[in-house]
Amino acid sequence: MHYQNILFDLDGTLTDPRLGITRSIQFALSRLGIDEPDLTRLEHFIGPPLLQAFMQFYDFDEAKAWEAVGFYRERFKVTGLYENQVFDGVFGLLETLASQNRALYIATSKPWVFAHEIARHFDFAKHFKVIYGSELDGTRTDKVELIRHLLAEEGLDPGQTLMIGDRKHDLIGAQRNGLDVAAVGYGFGSHDELVAESPTYHFATLAELHAAFLKTK
């Protein structure tokens, strides 16, 4: 693994945000008169841009989807973002990468203001040079656009940069910007979803991902 620059997705790659996201989606739907008692039915919201997810999964028009996003954020910003946990092994992986003098970045479609607070609260912000996310108005929620922006802002060589993520959006966004990609199987993307994008690497577990970086560069 020769890459000097490593981009990490956040949800499903560094942390398990299942509870906070699904409860906040449940809250938003309830404010719109939709009762969904089964949180597992809302896990497909983890990963894709939220506005588009409401439009896709509930057939909302854009105005109603933005209303749902507003209700979601009402709960998420004060409660949901703390209903989260760092995956076992993440801190060890980040320490290994830091010891190898690699430059680490977060690239998430989540608004950067939330991503920064999560990284601060769970004490892994110190490992990352910069945390990139979307704007609250929806700018750069698309991973292709987000990664393009990150590469330009940081002046990174795509050939020396690897994207690590658990959903197809991460893989597509990176590949369209000329990056190699590592798909991880412990997050929220199915095996079929990830394999369909022909990732450069596929690691079923975080331990396998870490082991790959322990080999010579």
Protein backbone atom coordinates (compact mmCIF):
# COMPACT_ATOMS: atom_id res chain seq x y z
CA MET A 1 0.00 0.00 0.00
CA HIS A 2 2.20 2.78 -1.35
CA TYR A 3 -0.29 5.64 -1.10
CA GLN A 4 0.89 8.82 0.59
CA ASN A 5 -2.61 10.27 0.97
CA ILE A 6 -5.53 8.36 2.48
CA LEU A 7 -9.13 9.58 2.25
CA PHE A 8 -11.62 8.04 4.65
CA ASP A 9 -15.37 8.04 4.45
CA LEU A 10 -16.90 8.67 7.90
CA ASP A 11 -20.20 6.81 8.41
CA GLY A 12 -19.74 3.07 8.15
CA THR A 13 -15.97 3.35 7.71
CA LEU A 14 -14.64 5.10 10.81
CA THR A 15 -17.78 5.05 12.96
CA ASP A 16 -21.05 3.14 13.34
CA PRO A 17 -23.69 5.91 13.30
CA ARG A 18 -26.61 3.51 12.99
CA LEU A 19 -28.55 4.55 16.08
CA GLY A 20 -28.21 8.31 15.71
CA ILE A 21 -29.06 8.40 12.02
CA THR A 22 -32.00 6.00 12.10
CA ARG A 23 -33.55 7.61 15.18
CA SER A 24 -33.21 11.04 13.56
CA ILE A 25 -34.78 9.75 10.32
CA GLN A 26 -37.58 8.23 12.40
CA PHE A 27 -38.10 11.60 14.11
CA ALA A 28 -38.20 13.46 10.78
CA LEU A 29 -40.72 11.03 9.32
CA SER A 30 -42.91 11.29 12.41
CA ARG A 31 -43.01 15.08 12.01
CA LEU A 32 -44.34 14.47 8.52
CA GLY A 33 -47.01 12.04 9.72
CA ILE A 34 -45.17 8.83 8.80
CA ASP A 35 -44.79 6.20 11.50
CA GLU A 36 -41.83 3.83 11.12
CA PRO A 37 -41.28 1.85 14.34
CA ASP A 38 -38.63 -0.47 12.87
CA LEU A 39 -35.26 1.31 12.85
CA THR A 40 -33.65 -1.44 10.78
CA ARG A 41 -35.88 -0.40 7.87
CA LEU A 42 -34.15 2.99 7.90
CA GLU A 43 -30.55 1.80 7.69
CA HIS A 44 -30.45 2.35 3.92
CA PHE A 45 -30.29 6.08 4.75
CA ILE A 46 -26.75 5.60 6.03
CA GLY A 47 -24.31 6.60 3.32
CA PRO A 48 -26.13 8.33 0.47
CA PRO A 49 -26.87 12.09 0.50
CA LEU A 50 -29.86 12.65 2.75
CA LEU A 51 -31.94 14.87 0.46
CA GLN A 52 -31.76 12.38 -2.40
CA ALA A 53 -32.44 9.48 -0.01
CA PHE A 54 -35.72 11.02 1.19
CA MET A 55 -36.73 11.59 -2.42
CA GLN A 56 -35.79 8.05 -3.45
CA PHE A 57 -37.10 6.04 -0.51
CA TYR A 58 -40.28 8.02 0.24
CA ASP A 59 -41.00 9.58 -3.14
CA PHE A 60 -40.85 13.10 -1.68
CA ASP A 61 -40.55 16.04 -4.03
CA GLU A 62 -37.55 18.28 -3.40
CA ALA A 63 -39.42 20.76 -1.20
CA LYS A 64 -40.78 18.03 1.07
CA ALA A 65 -37.38 16.33 1.15
CA TRP A 66 -35.74 19.55 2.36
CA GLU A 67 -38.44 19.79 5.03
CA ALA A 68 -37.56 16.25 6.12
CA VAL A 69 -33.86 17.13 6.18
CA GLY A 70 -34.66 20.09 8.43
CA PHE A 71 -36.54 17.90 10.90
CA TYR A 72 -33.73 15.33 10.78
CA ARG A 73 -31.12 17.96 11.62
CA GLU A 74 -33.28 19.34 14.43
CA ARG A 75 -32.69 16.11 16.34
CA PHE A 76 -29.36 15.01 14.87
CA LYS A 77 -27.40 18.14 15.75
CA VAL A 78 -28.21 17.94 19.47
CA THR A 79 -28.64 14.20 20.07
CA GLY A 80 -28.12 11.99 17.04
CA LEU A 81 -24.53 12.79 16.24
CA TYR A 82 -23.49 11.57 19.69
CA GLU A 83 -25.43 8.28 19.28
CA ASN A 84 -22.43 6.90 17.49
CA GLN A 85 -19.39 4.76 18.17
CA VAL A 86 -15.93 4.37 16.68
CA PHE A 87 -15.39 0.92 15.19
CA ASP A 88 -13.03 -1.30 17.16
CA GLY A 89 -9.57 -1.06 15.66
CA VAL A 90 -9.94 2.39 14.08
CA PHE A 91 -7.63 4.13 16.55
CA GLY A 92 -4.93 1.51 16.03
CA LEU A 93 -5.22 1.87 12.25
CA LEU A 94 -4.99 5.66 12.41
CA GLU A 95 -1.97 5.49 14.69
CA THR A 96 -0.24 3.11 12.27
CA LEU A 97 -0.90 5.41 9.33
CA ALA A 98 0.33 8.43 11.28
CA SER A 99 3.53 6.56 12.20
CA GLN A 100 4.07 5.94 8.48
CA ASN A 101 3.84 9.70 7.83
CA ARG A 102 0.85 9.40 5.55
CA ALA A 103 -1.52 12.36 5.15
CA LEU A 104 -5.04 11.49 6.28
CA TYR A 105 -8.28 13.21 5.27
CA ILE A 106 -11.99 12.63 5.84
CA ALA A 107 -14.26 12.90 2.79
CA THR A 108 -17.92 12.59 3.81
CA SER A 109 -21.19 13.69 2.26
CA LYS A 110 -22.32 14.57 5.80
CA PRO A 111 -22.21 18.33 6.45
CA TRP A 112 -18.70 19.23 7.55
CA VAL A 113 -20.01 21.01 10.65
CA PHE A 114 -21.40 17.69 11.92
CA ALA A 115 -18.36 15.70 10.79
CA HIS A 116 -16.03 18.06 12.67
CA GLU A 117 -18.06 17.73 15.86
CA ILE A 118 -18.15 13.92 15.63
CA ALA A 119 -14.38 13.76 15.07
CA ARG A 120 -13.80 16.15 17.97
CA HIS A 121 -16.19 14.42 20.37
CA PHE A 122 -14.86 10.92 19.67
CA ASP A 123 -11.26 12.16 19.73
CA PHE A 124 -9.98 11.19 16.30
CA ALA A 125 -9.84 14.66 14.70
CA LYS A 126 -6.15 14.92 15.64
CA HIS A 127 -5.26 12.20 13.14
CA PHE A 128 -6.62 14.08 10.13
CA LYS A 129 -5.04 16.94 8.24
CA VAL A 130 -8.41 18.27 7.05
CA ILE A 131 -12.02 17.07 7.34
CA TYR A 132 -14.04 17.67 4.18
CA GLY A 133 -17.82 17.42 4.05
CA SER A 134 -20.80 19.00 2.36
CA GLU A 135 -22.41 22.36 3.10
CA LEU A 136 -25.78 22.61 4.83
CA ASP A 137 -27.34 23.85 1.57
CA GLY A 138 -26.45 20.57 -0.14
CA THR A 139 -23.30 21.74 -1.93
CA ARG A 140 -20.80 18.89 -2.41
CA THR A 141 -23.04 16.11 -1.08
CA ASP A 142 -22.13 14.25 -4.28
CA LYS A 143 -18.92 12.27 -3.66
CA VAL A 144 -17.57 12.93 -7.16
CA GLU A 145 -17.80 16.68 -6.57
CA LEU A 146 -16.56 16.43 -2.98
CA ILE A 147 -13.44 14.42 -3.82
CA ARG A 148 -12.67 16.63 -6.82
CA HIS A 149 -12.84 19.65 -4.51
CA LEU A 150 -10.62 17.98 -1.90
CA LEU A 151 -7.97 17.02 -4.45
CA ALA A 152 -7.90 20.54 -5.87
CA GLU A 153 -7.80 22.27 -2.47
CA GLU A 154 -5.02 20.03 -1.15
CA GLY A 155 -3.11 19.69 -4.42
CA LEU A 156 -3.04 15.91 -4.15
CA ASP A 157 -1.74 13.54 -6.81
CA PRO A 158 -4.55 11.04 -7.58
CA GLY A 159 -1.95 8.35 -8.20
CA GLN A 160 -0.70 8.73 -4.64
CA THR A 161 -4.17 8.87 -3.08
CA LEU A 162 -6.45 6.05 -1.87
CA MET A 163 -10.13 6.35 -0.92
CA ILE A 164 -11.52 3.99 1.73
CA GLY A 165 -15.29 3.60 2.03
CA ASP A 166 -18.20 1.25 2.65
CA ARG A 167 -20.75 2.36 0.03
CA LYS A 168 -20.80 2.56 -3.76
CA HIS A 169 -20.91 6.36 -3.58
CA ASP A 170 -17.41 6.36 -2.08
CA LEU A 171 -16.05 4.08 -4.78
CA ILE A 172 -17.71 5.87 -7.68
CA GLY A 173 -16.65 9.29 -6.40
CA ALA A 174 -13.04 8.22 -6.08
CA GLN A 175 -12.78 6.27 -9.34
CA ARG A 176 -14.21 9.14 -11.38
CA ASN A 177 -11.43 11.31 -9.97
CA GLY A 178 -8.73 8.79 -10.89
CA LEU A 179 -8.18 7.31 -7.42
CA ASP A 180 -7.70 3.72 -6.39
CA VAL A 181 -10.33 2.56 -3.91
CA ALA A 182 -10.52 0.21 -0.96
CA ALA A 183 -14.00 -1.14 -0.19
CA VAL A 184 -14.63 -2.25 3.39
CA GLY A 185 -17.19 -4.93 4.17
CA TYR A 186 -17.86 -4.12 7.82
CA GLY A 187 -19.97 -1.02 7.07
CA PHE A 188 -23.38 -0.60 5.43
CA GLY A 189 -22.78 -1.48 1.80
CA SER A 190 -23.64 -5.03 0.76
CA HIS A 191 -21.01 -7.29 -0.77
CA ASP A 192 -22.84 -7.16 -4.11
CA GLU A 193 -23.04 -3.35 -4.02
CA LEU A 194 -19.30 -3.03 -3.46
CA VAL A 195 -18.14 -5.75 -5.85
CA ALA A 196 -20.28 -4.22 -8.62
CA GLU A 197 -17.98 -1.17 -8.61
CA SER A 198 -14.82 -3.28 -9.07
CA PRO A 199 -12.81 -1.75 -6.21
CA THR A 200 -9.01 -1.89 -6.32
CA TYR A 201 -9.06 -3.65 -2.94
CA HIS A 202 -11.79 -5.28 -0.87
CA PHE A 203 -11.33 -5.87 2.84
CA ALA A 204 -14.00 -7.78 4.72
CA THR A 205 -12.84 -6.57 8.12
CA LEU A 206 -11.06 -3.63 9.63
CA ALA A 207 -8.30 -6.00 10.79
CA GLU A 208 -7.67 -6.98 7.16
CA LEU A 209 -7.50 -3.32 6.16
CA HIS A 210 -5.02 -2.60 8.94
CA ALA A 211 -2.89 -5.61 8.01
CA ALA A 212 -2.58 -4.34 4.43
CA PHE A 213 -0.95 -1.14 5.70
CA LEU A 214 1.45 -3.06 7.93
CA LYS A 215 3.02 -4.61 4.84
CA THR A 216 5.87 -2.74 3.15
CA LYS A 217 4.82 0.32 1.22
